[in-house]
Amino acid sequence: MNPADRCSDAGPAVAARNPKSPRHLLALLVAMTAIGPLSLNILVPAVPGLARRLASDEGTVQLTISLYLLGLAVAQLALGPLADRFGRRPVVLAGLALTAASSAIAVFAGSITGLIAMRIVQSLGASSGQVIGRAIIRDLYDREHSAAMIGLVTTATVVAPMAAPLIGGLLDTAMGWPSIFIFVAIASAAVLLWSVLALPETQPQAAREAERTRYWHDLRGLLVSPTFNGYVLCGALTSASFFAFLGGAPHVMVTQLGRTSAEYGLWFLINAVGYMAGNFTASRFSLRYGVDAMIRWGLLCQVLAAIGAALLVAFFFHLGPAVIFFPQVLISYGNGVVLPNAIAGAISVRPQAAGTASGITGFVQMAIGALAAQAAAWVLADAKTALPMMLIMVATAIAGLLAYVILVPADRKSPPRR
């Protein structure tokens, strides 16, 4: 085993010493983490209509989603090390402030170029809650508890990003796309104020001082670790199936099936059922059965569900949106089980560098997600059904399974010792 991998169970275990101390942060972590997915998903229903309103084409307008994802990826790569070096609190506050400001400016965008530029800036700040929220959890909990807490936080926050398309669709239909950015600006400013008043610094001062000298050592240790790369790729590739759906489903609903953006938002809520159930399963059973057992279960569920969904679309697409959205319950369930456990595994390889590990994990997830979202939009451009999108989802789910099986060592896959 790589020497770096032997550090997985070292590091802070504040929760073990004082189990109740971090609980008051839970609601704030939920709100911080929700800002990024909320900002991403809320614009999705308006994308087909933006091409007409801003005199552009659908491929260019799709960049408001794909480049947002890429911005999330790049920002997380930088924010993780910054949080390790300067502390969690100042980086979160700066990110939330940037999100609120860029969202307010986007209201006045008069061209698709200006809107894309503001979406990129928006993404740079919105990622702070996600990447640093995971680092805060790892500051407070050991490996197995981290998976449970990440699952619990994600269970709560999934309501916002999954409901965001409905909110965005209703705002777009009633008041136009600028109202979407007004909503995000207000939400970001509210969470910023809450964080100023209630968020403590969870990283010890000694850890920040040590990080100034060991950053490159920790970074190299992570990048050469097969275990770390296995967990990261497993989580990113299984999440890519969701991003492919995110990039392609609006075109399927609006262009191929002739439905409205508001109707798409209603159907999209079905994803929340499966994803929340998966996150809840992770929060309840990761501590009992271990990170790796939960990953295996989630991967199996997701791969089989994706294959079944592709077959349904191939033969029954004419039956309408139900054929597209109902299978997403099982796909999202598998993803909801896998992702918090894969993240917990990745950030536990070197707990002293949890911010850096979280940033790399988020970068890879969002970079692959951006490619999957754009690929889905491209393959559906001239397609008559949703089958090309579903095949991308099958391929990414299988790739995530292979990454886990090949890279994560066998001794990591045994049940945790109690």
Protein backbone atom coordinates (compact mmCIF):
# COMPACT_ATOMS: atom_id res chain seq x y z
CA MET A 1 0.00 0.00 0.00
CA ASN A 2 1.17 3.54 -0.66
CA PRO A 3 2.55 5.06 2.57
CA ALA A 4 0.24 8.01 2.21
CA ASP A 5 -2.72 5.67 2.39
CA ARG A 6 -1.82 4.50 5.88
CA CYS A 7 -2.78 7.91 7.22
CA SER A 8 -6.46 7.33 6.56
CA ASP A 9 -7.63 6.93 10.12
CA ALA A 10 -5.30 9.46 11.66
CA GLY A 11 -6.14 13.05 12.30
CA PRO A 12 -8.81 14.89 14.27
CA ALA A 13 -11.70 13.19 15.96
CA VAL A 14 -13.35 16.05 17.75
CA ALA A 15 -16.72 14.34 17.59
CA ALA A 16 -15.38 11.38 19.54
CA ARG A 17 -14.26 13.68 22.39
CA ASN A 18 -17.33 15.91 22.38
CA PRO A 19 -20.10 14.40 20.22
CA LYS A 20 -22.48 17.33 20.64
CA SER A 21 -20.07 20.18 19.95
CA PRO A 22 -20.45 20.37 16.14
CA ARG A 23 -24.23 19.86 16.03
CA HIS A 24 -25.09 23.56 16.11
CA LEU A 25 -23.15 23.97 12.84
CA LEU A 26 -25.26 21.46 10.94
CA ALA A 27 -27.92 23.86 9.66
CA LEU A 28 -25.28 26.39 8.60
CA LEU A 29 -23.26 23.70 6.78
CA VAL A 30 -26.45 22.70 4.97
CA ALA A 31 -27.06 26.27 3.82
CA MET A 32 -23.43 26.85 2.80
CA THR A 33 -23.27 23.62 0.83
CA ALA A 34 -26.60 24.27 -0.91
CA ILE A 35 -25.55 27.58 -2.52
CA GLY A 36 -23.42 25.99 -5.24
CA PRO A 37 -25.95 23.39 -6.46
CA LEU A 38 -28.78 25.91 -6.10
CA SER A 39 -26.98 28.44 -8.29
CA LEU A 40 -26.21 25.76 -10.86
CA ASN A 41 -29.60 24.12 -11.16
CA ILE A 42 -31.87 27.13 -10.87
CA LEU A 43 -30.96 28.42 -14.35
CA VAL A 44 -31.36 25.08 -16.13
CA PRO A 45 -35.09 25.42 -17.04
CA ALA A 46 -34.46 28.83 -18.60
CA VAL A 47 -31.62 27.64 -20.88
CA PRO A 48 -33.74 26.73 -23.95
CA GLY A 49 -35.55 30.09 -23.79
CA LEU A 50 -32.37 32.12 -23.26
CA ALA A 51 -31.23 31.28 -26.79
CA ARG A 52 -34.23 33.19 -28.14
CA ARG A 53 -34.22 36.03 -25.63
CA LEU A 54 -30.53 36.82 -25.96
CA ALA A 55 -30.34 36.17 -29.73
CA SER A 56 -27.99 33.20 -29.43
CA ASP A 57 -27.97 29.48 -30.19
CA GLU A 58 -28.59 26.59 -27.80
CA GLY A 59 -24.98 25.39 -27.90
CA THR A 60 -23.68 28.77 -26.77
CA VAL A 61 -26.35 29.18 -24.09
CA GLN A 62 -25.47 25.72 -22.78
CA LEU A 63 -22.12 27.25 -21.78
CA THR A 64 -23.94 29.01 -18.91
CA ILE A 65 -24.19 25.52 -17.40
CA SER A 66 -21.02 23.82 -18.65
CA LEU A 67 -18.67 26.72 -17.88
CA TYR A 68 -20.35 27.17 -14.51
CA LEU A 69 -19.42 23.55 -13.76
CA LEU A 70 -15.89 24.16 -14.99
CA GLY A 71 -15.68 27.27 -12.80
CA LEU A 72 -16.79 25.18 -9.80
CA ALA A 73 -14.06 22.70 -10.63
CA VAL A 74 -11.23 25.23 -10.93
CA ALA A 75 -12.33 27.17 -7.85
CA GLN A 76 -12.44 24.08 -5.68
CA LEU A 77 -8.92 23.19 -6.73
CA ALA A 78 -7.75 26.57 -5.37
CA LEU A 79 -10.10 26.97 -2.41
CA GLY A 80 -9.10 23.71 -0.71
CA PRO A 81 -5.42 24.65 -0.26
CA LEU A 82 -6.40 28.22 0.68
CA ALA A 83 -8.68 26.86 3.41
CA ASP A 84 -5.87 24.62 4.71
CA ARG A 85 -3.45 27.53 4.82
CA PHE A 86 -5.57 30.48 5.96
CA GLY A 87 -8.46 28.77 7.72
CA ARG A 88 -12.00 27.74 6.81
CA ARG A 89 -13.91 30.86 7.90
CA PRO A 90 -12.26 33.65 5.84
CA VAL A 91 -12.35 31.64 2.63
CA VAL A 92 -16.06 30.78 3.02
CA LEU A 93 -16.98 34.39 3.74
CA ALA A 94 -15.09 35.67 0.69
CA GLY A 95 -16.72 33.05 -1.55
CA LEU A 96 -20.26 33.82 -0.42
CA ALA A 97 -19.68 37.55 -0.91
CA LEU A 98 -18.43 36.94 -4.46
CA THR A 99 -21.50 34.80 -5.24
CA ALA A 100 -23.93 37.46 -4.03
CA ALA A 101 -22.18 40.27 -5.93
CA SER A 102 -21.85 38.40 -9.25
CA SER A 103 -25.49 37.26 -9.10
CA ALA A 104 -26.65 40.85 -8.65
CA ILE A 105 -24.52 42.05 -11.57
CA ALA A 106 -25.81 39.23 -13.83
CA VAL A 107 -29.30 40.75 -13.63
CA PHE A 108 -28.10 43.54 -15.91
CA ALA A 109 -26.39 41.31 -18.51
CA GLY A 110 -27.53 42.38 -21.97
CA SER A 111 -25.83 39.67 -23.99
CA ILE A 112 -25.07 35.98 -23.71
CA THR A 113 -21.35 36.80 -23.42
CA GLY A 114 -21.92 38.99 -20.38
CA LEU A 115 -24.20 36.42 -18.79
CA ILE A 116 -21.66 33.63 -19.29
CA ALA A 117 -18.94 35.80 -17.76
CA MET A 118 -21.03 36.45 -14.64
CA ARG A 119 -21.92 32.77 -14.37
CA ILE A 120 -18.23 31.92 -14.28
CA VAL A 121 -17.57 34.49 -11.56
CA GLN A 122 -20.64 33.27 -9.69
CA SER A 123 -19.34 29.70 -9.76
CA LEU A 124 -15.96 30.71 -8.33
CA GLY A 125 -17.61 31.91 -5.14
CA ALA A 126 -20.45 29.40 -4.94
CA SER A 127 -18.08 26.43 -4.71
CA SER A 128 -16.67 27.64 -1.37
CA GLY A 129 -19.51 26.25 0.72
CA GLN A 130 -19.20 22.78 -0.81
CA VAL A 131 -15.46 22.27 -0.63
CA ILE A 132 -14.92 23.93 2.74
CA GLY A 133 -18.04 22.41 4.25
CA ARG A 134 -16.53 18.96 3.64
CA ALA A 135 -13.23 20.08 5.20
CA ILE A 136 -15.07 21.39 8.27
CA ILE A 137 -16.79 18.02 8.68
CA ARG A 138 -13.42 16.26 8.47
CA ASP A 139 -12.02 18.70 11.06
CA LEU A 140 -14.70 17.50 13.46
CA TYR A 141 -15.19 13.79 12.66
CA ASP A 142 -13.19 10.64 11.92
CA ARG A 143 -13.47 8.71 8.63
CA GLU A 144 -16.66 6.70 9.17
CA HIS A 145 -18.42 9.52 11.03
CA SER A 146 -17.44 11.88 8.19
CA ALA A 147 -19.28 9.71 5.67
CA ALA A 148 -22.38 9.69 7.86
CA MET A 149 -22.26 13.46 8.39
CA ILE A 150 -21.61 14.23 4.72
CA GLY A 151 -24.57 12.02 3.88
CA LEU A 152 -26.72 13.81 6.47
CA VAL A 153 -25.75 17.27 5.24
CA THR A 154 -26.32 16.25 1.63
CA THR A 155 -29.70 14.73 2.51
CA ALA A 156 -30.82 18.10 3.79
CA THR A 157 -29.20 20.21 1.08
CA VAL A 158 -30.54 18.09 -1.77
CA VAL A 159 -33.93 19.72 -1.27
CA ALA A 160 -32.55 23.05 -2.50
CA PRO A 161 -30.72 21.92 -5.65
CA MET A 162 -33.43 19.47 -6.62
CA ALA A 163 -36.17 22.04 -6.07
CA ALA A 164 -34.12 24.73 -7.82
CA PRO A 165 -35.30 23.81 -11.36
CA LEU A 166 -38.90 24.19 -10.20
CA ILE A 167 -38.13 27.56 -8.62
CA GLY A 168 -36.18 28.63 -11.69
CA GLY A 169 -38.89 27.47 -14.06
CA LEU A 170 -41.59 29.34 -12.16
CA LEU A 171 -39.50 32.52 -11.91
CA ASP A 172 -38.57 32.36 -15.60
CA THR A 173 -42.16 31.78 -16.66
CA ALA A 174 -43.61 34.49 -14.42
CA MET A 175 -40.96 37.25 -14.43
CA GLY A 176 -38.17 36.32 -16.83
CA TRP A 177 -34.63 35.05 -16.36
CA PRO A 178 -33.26 38.12 -14.44
CA SER A 179 -35.50 37.20 -11.50
CA ILE A 180 -33.53 33.96 -11.15
CA PHE A 181 -30.33 35.88 -10.42
CA ILE A 182 -32.11 38.22 -7.99
CA PHE A 183 -33.22 35.14 -6.05
CA VAL A 184 -29.67 33.72 -5.94
CA ALA A 185 -28.20 37.07 -4.87
CA ILE A 186 -30.64 37.32 -1.94
CA ALA A 187 -30.06 33.71 -0.88
CA SER A 188 -26.26 34.09 -1.00
CA ALA A 189 -26.34 37.34 0.97
CA ALA A 190 -28.51 35.72 3.65
CA VAL A 191 -26.12 32.78 4.08
CA LEU A 192 -23.17 35.20 4.13
CA LEU A 193 -24.72 37.15 7.00
CA TRP A 194 -25.49 33.92 8.87
CA SER A 195 -21.89 32.75 8.42
CA VAL A 196 -20.48 36.07 9.66
CA LEU A 197 -22.53 35.70 12.84
CA ALA A 198 -22.27 31.95 13.52
CA LEU A 199 -19.39 30.21 11.72
CA PRO A 200 -16.33 29.52 13.94
CA GLU A 201 -12.87 28.55 12.74
CA THR A 202 -12.65 24.74 13.00
CA GLN A 203 -9.07 24.26 11.84
CA PRO A 204 -6.52 24.50 14.68
CA GLN A 205 -3.98 27.30 14.39
CA ALA A 206 -1.13 24.78 14.59
CA ALA A 207 -2.51 22.94 11.56
CA ARG A 208 -2.59 26.15 9.51
CA GLU A 209 1.00 26.98 10.43
CA ALA A 210 2.20 23.48 9.58
CA GLU A 211 0.37 23.54 6.25
CA ARG A 212 2.54 26.43 5.05
CA THR A 213 5.55 24.11 4.98
CA ARG A 214 4.02 20.76 4.03
CA TYR A 215 1.55 21.68 1.27
CA TRP A 216 3.57 20.26 -1.62
CA HIS A 217 4.37 17.12 0.36
CA ASP A 218 0.69 16.51 1.09
CA LEU A 219 -0.30 17.33 -2.49
CA ARG A 220 2.18 14.84 -3.91
CA GLY A 221 1.08 12.23 -1.38
CA LEU A 222 -2.52 12.59 -2.52
CA LEU A 223 -1.83 12.60 -6.25
CA VAL A 224 0.33 9.44 -6.17
CA SER A 225 -2.09 7.54 -3.93
CA PRO A 226 -4.11 4.89 -5.84
CA THR A 227 -6.62 4.83 -2.99
CA PHE A 228 -7.22 8.58 -3.16
CA ASN A 229 -7.54 8.51 -6.94
CA GLY A 230 -9.87 5.53 -6.77
CA TYR A 231 -12.26 7.25 -4.39
CA VAL A 232 -12.12 10.52 -6.33
CA LEU A 233 -12.77 8.94 -9.74
CA CYS A 234 -15.47 6.66 -8.34
CA GLY A 235 -17.40 9.62 -6.94
CA ALA A 236 -16.81 11.85 -9.97
CA LEU A 237 -17.74 9.32 -12.63
CA THR A 238 -20.90 8.15 -10.88
CA SER A 239 -21.91 11.80 -10.41
CA ALA A 240 -21.31 12.39 -14.12
CA SER A 241 -24.47 10.43 -14.89
CA PHE A 242 -26.45 13.11 -13.04
CA PHE A 243 -24.64 15.92 -14.86
CA ALA A 244 -25.30 14.26 -18.21
CA PHE A 245 -28.98 14.18 -17.30
CA LEU A 246 -28.77 17.81 -16.16
CA GLY A 247 -27.25 18.86 -19.48
CA GLY A 248 -29.57 16.85 -21.70
CA ALA A 249 -32.95 16.55 -20.00
CA PRO A 250 -34.09 20.16 -20.64
CA HIS A 251 -33.57 19.65 -24.38
CA VAL A 252 -35.42 16.35 -24.25
CA MET A 253 -38.38 17.91 -22.44
CA VAL A 254 -38.62 21.25 -24.26
CA THR A 255 -37.34 20.39 -27.74
CA GLN A 256 -38.14 16.71 -28.26
CA LEU A 257 -41.30 16.41 -26.15
CA GLY A 258 -42.58 20.00 -26.50
CA ARG A 259 -43.11 20.64 -22.78
CA THR A 260 -42.56 23.89 -20.81
CA SER A 261 -39.63 24.78 -18.57
CA ALA A 262 -41.95 24.85 -15.54
CA GLU A 263 -43.11 21.30 -16.32
CA TYR A 264 -39.49 20.21 -16.57
CA GLY A 265 -38.91 21.64 -13.09
CA LEU A 266 -41.81 19.63 -11.68
CA TRP A 267 -40.60 16.38 -13.24
CA PHE A 268 -37.05 17.05 -12.07
CA LEU A 269 -38.24 16.90 -8.46
CA ILE A 270 -38.49 13.13 -8.90
CA ASN A 271 -34.69 13.00 -8.75
CA ALA A 272 -34.86 14.34 -5.20
CA VAL A 273 -36.74 11.27 -3.99
CA GLY A 274 -33.99 8.85 -4.99
CA TYR A 275 -31.05 11.07 -4.14
CA MET A 276 -32.36 11.97 -0.70
CA ALA A 277 -33.09 8.32 0.02
CA GLY A 278 -29.53 7.42 -0.98
CA ASN A 279 -28.03 10.17 1.18
CA PHE A 280 -30.24 9.14 4.09
CA THR A 281 -29.10 5.53 3.67
CA ALA A 282 -25.48 6.71 3.76
CA SER A 283 -26.06 8.81 6.90
CA ARG A 284 -27.72 5.88 8.70
CA PHE A 285 -25.57 2.92 7.69
CA SER A 286 -22.07 4.15 6.76
CA LEU A 287 -20.94 4.01 10.38
CA ARG A 288 -22.31 0.49 10.81
CA TYR A 289 -21.15 -1.14 7.57
CA GLY A 290 -18.25 1.09 6.55
CA VAL A 291 -17.51 3.43 3.68
CA ASP A 292 -16.54 0.75 1.19
CA ALA A 293 -19.50 -1.56 1.72
CA MET A 294 -21.82 1.37 1.07
CA ILE A 295 -19.89 2.34 -2.07
CA ARG A 296 -20.21 -1.20 -3.46
CA TRP A 297 -23.97 -1.25 -2.84
CA GLY A 298 -24.50 2.15 -4.38
CA LEU A 299 -22.40 1.33 -7.46
CA LEU A 300 -24.31 -1.88 -8.12
CA CYS A 301 -27.65 -0.10 -7.81
CA GLN A 302 -26.63 2.76 -10.08
CA VAL A 303 -25.13 0.62 -12.86
CA LEU A 304 -28.13 -1.71 -13.04
CA ALA A 305 -30.60 1.19 -12.92
CA ALA A 306 -28.79 3.09 -15.69
CA ILE A 307 -28.83 0.05 -17.97
CA GLY A 308 -32.52 -0.48 -17.28
CA ALA A 309 -33.27 3.19 -17.96
CA ALA A 310 -31.48 3.04 -21.32
CA LEU A 311 -33.54 0.01 -22.33
CA LEU A 312 -36.78 1.73 -21.35
CA VAL A 313 -35.93 4.80 -23.43
CA ALA A 314 -34.87 2.65 -26.38
CA PHE A 315 -38.24 0.91 -26.57
CA PHE A 316 -40.78 3.13 -24.80
CA PHE A 317 -39.71 6.74 -25.39
CA HIS A 318 -43.06 7.46 -27.01
CA LEU A 319 -44.76 7.14 -23.60
CA GLY A 320 -43.44 10.56 -22.55
CA PRO A 321 -41.60 12.13 -19.59
CA ALA A 322 -42.36 9.28 -17.16
CA VAL A 323 -40.00 6.98 -19.09
CA ILE A 324 -37.21 9.54 -18.70
CA PHE A 325 -37.70 10.59 -15.09
CA PHE A 326 -39.00 7.61 -13.10
CA PRO A 327 -35.86 5.47 -13.64
CA GLN A 328 -33.86 8.40 -12.27
CA VAL A 329 -35.14 7.51 -8.80
CA LEU A 330 -32.94 4.39 -8.65
CA ILE A 331 -30.02 6.00 -10.48
CA SER A 332 -30.10 8.93 -8.07
CA TYR A 333 -30.44 6.57 -5.11
CA GLY A 334 -27.22 4.79 -6.07
CA ASN A 335 -25.45 8.10 -6.60
CA GLY A 336 -26.70 9.35 -3.23
CA VAL A 337 -25.20 6.32 -1.49
CA VAL A 338 -21.88 6.40 -3.35
CA LEU A 339 -20.98 10.09 -3.29
CA PRO A 340 -20.78 10.92 0.46
CA ASN A 341 -18.85 7.71 1.11
CA ALA A 342 -16.46 8.28 -1.78
CA ILE A 343 -15.83 11.84 -0.56
CA ALA A 344 -15.25 10.64 3.00
CA GLY A 345 -12.81 8.02 1.73
CA ALA A 346 -10.92 10.59 -0.34
CA ILE A 347 -10.57 13.27 2.35
CA SER A 348 -9.49 10.64 4.91
CA VAL A 349 -6.43 9.48 3.02
CA ARG A 350 -4.49 12.43 4.50
CA PRO A 351 -6.78 14.05 7.11
CA GLN A 352 -4.31 16.85 7.85
CA ALA A 353 -4.83 18.04 4.25
CA ALA A 354 -8.62 17.65 4.20
CA GLY A 355 -9.12 21.00 2.47
CA THR A 356 -6.70 20.17 -0.32
CA ALA A 357 -8.18 16.69 -0.73
CA SER A 358 -11.70 18.11 -0.78
CA GLY A 359 -10.68 20.69 -3.38
CA ILE A 360 -9.15 18.08 -5.67
CA THR A 361 -12.21 15.86 -5.22
CA GLY A 362 -14.53 18.72 -6.13
CA PHE A 363 -12.37 19.76 -9.07
CA VAL A 364 -12.40 16.31 -10.65
CA GLN A 365 -16.12 15.86 -9.98
CA MET A 366 -17.08 19.17 -11.55
CA ALA A 367 -14.63 18.91 -14.46
CA ILE A 368 -15.94 15.49 -15.45
CA GLY A 369 -19.48 16.71 -14.78
CA ALA A 370 -19.00 19.67 -17.10
CA LEU A 371 -17.78 17.38 -19.88
CA ALA A 372 -20.72 15.02 -19.33
CA ALA A 373 -23.26 17.87 -19.37
CA GLN A 374 -21.85 19.37 -22.55
CA ALA A 375 -21.54 15.95 -24.19
CA ALA A 376 -25.20 15.22 -23.48
CA ALA A 377 -26.23 18.52 -25.07
CA TRP A 378 -24.08 17.81 -28.13
CA VAL A 379 -25.30 14.26 -28.74
CA LEU A 380 -28.93 15.33 -28.38
CA ALA A 381 -28.61 18.20 -30.87
CA ASP A 382 -29.86 16.11 -33.81
CA ALA A 383 -31.29 13.14 -31.89
CA LYS A 384 -34.94 12.13 -31.99
CA THR A 385 -34.98 10.45 -28.57
CA ALA A 386 -33.12 10.63 -25.25
CA LEU A 387 -31.19 7.40 -25.90
CA PRO A 388 -27.79 9.08 -26.58
CA MET A 389 -28.01 10.80 -23.19
CA MET A 390 -28.91 7.55 -21.46
CA LEU A 391 -25.94 5.75 -23.04
CA ILE A 392 -23.61 8.41 -21.63
CA MET A 393 -25.13 7.78 -18.21
CA VAL A 394 -24.56 4.03 -18.52
CA ALA A 395 -20.94 4.55 -19.60
CA THR A 396 -20.09 6.91 -16.73
CA ALA A 397 -21.69 4.63 -14.11
CA ILE A 398 -19.70 1.63 -15.34
CA ALA A 399 -16.50 3.72 -15.46
CA GLY A 400 -17.02 4.71 -11.81
CA LEU A 401 -17.38 1.05 -10.84
CA LEU A 402 -14.19 0.13 -12.68
CA ALA A 403 -12.24 2.99 -11.08
CA TYR A 404 -13.20 1.78 -7.62
CA VAL A 405 -12.51 -1.90 -8.28
CA ILE A 406 -9.13 -1.29 -9.93
CA LEU A 407 -7.65 1.48 -7.74
CA VAL A 408 -8.92 1.03 -4.18
CA PRO A 409 -6.83 -1.68 -2.45
CA ALA A 410 -8.56 -4.85 -1.27
CA ASP A 411 -7.72 -4.26 2.41
CA ARG A 412 -9.74 -1.03 2.30
CA LYS A 413 -12.82 -2.96 1.25
CA SER A 414 -13.17 -4.98 4.45
CA PRO A 415 -15.75 -3.94 7.08
CA PRO A 416 -14.55 -1.36 9.63
CA ARG A 417 -13.29 -2.71 12.95
CA ARG A 418 -15.48 -1.89 15.92
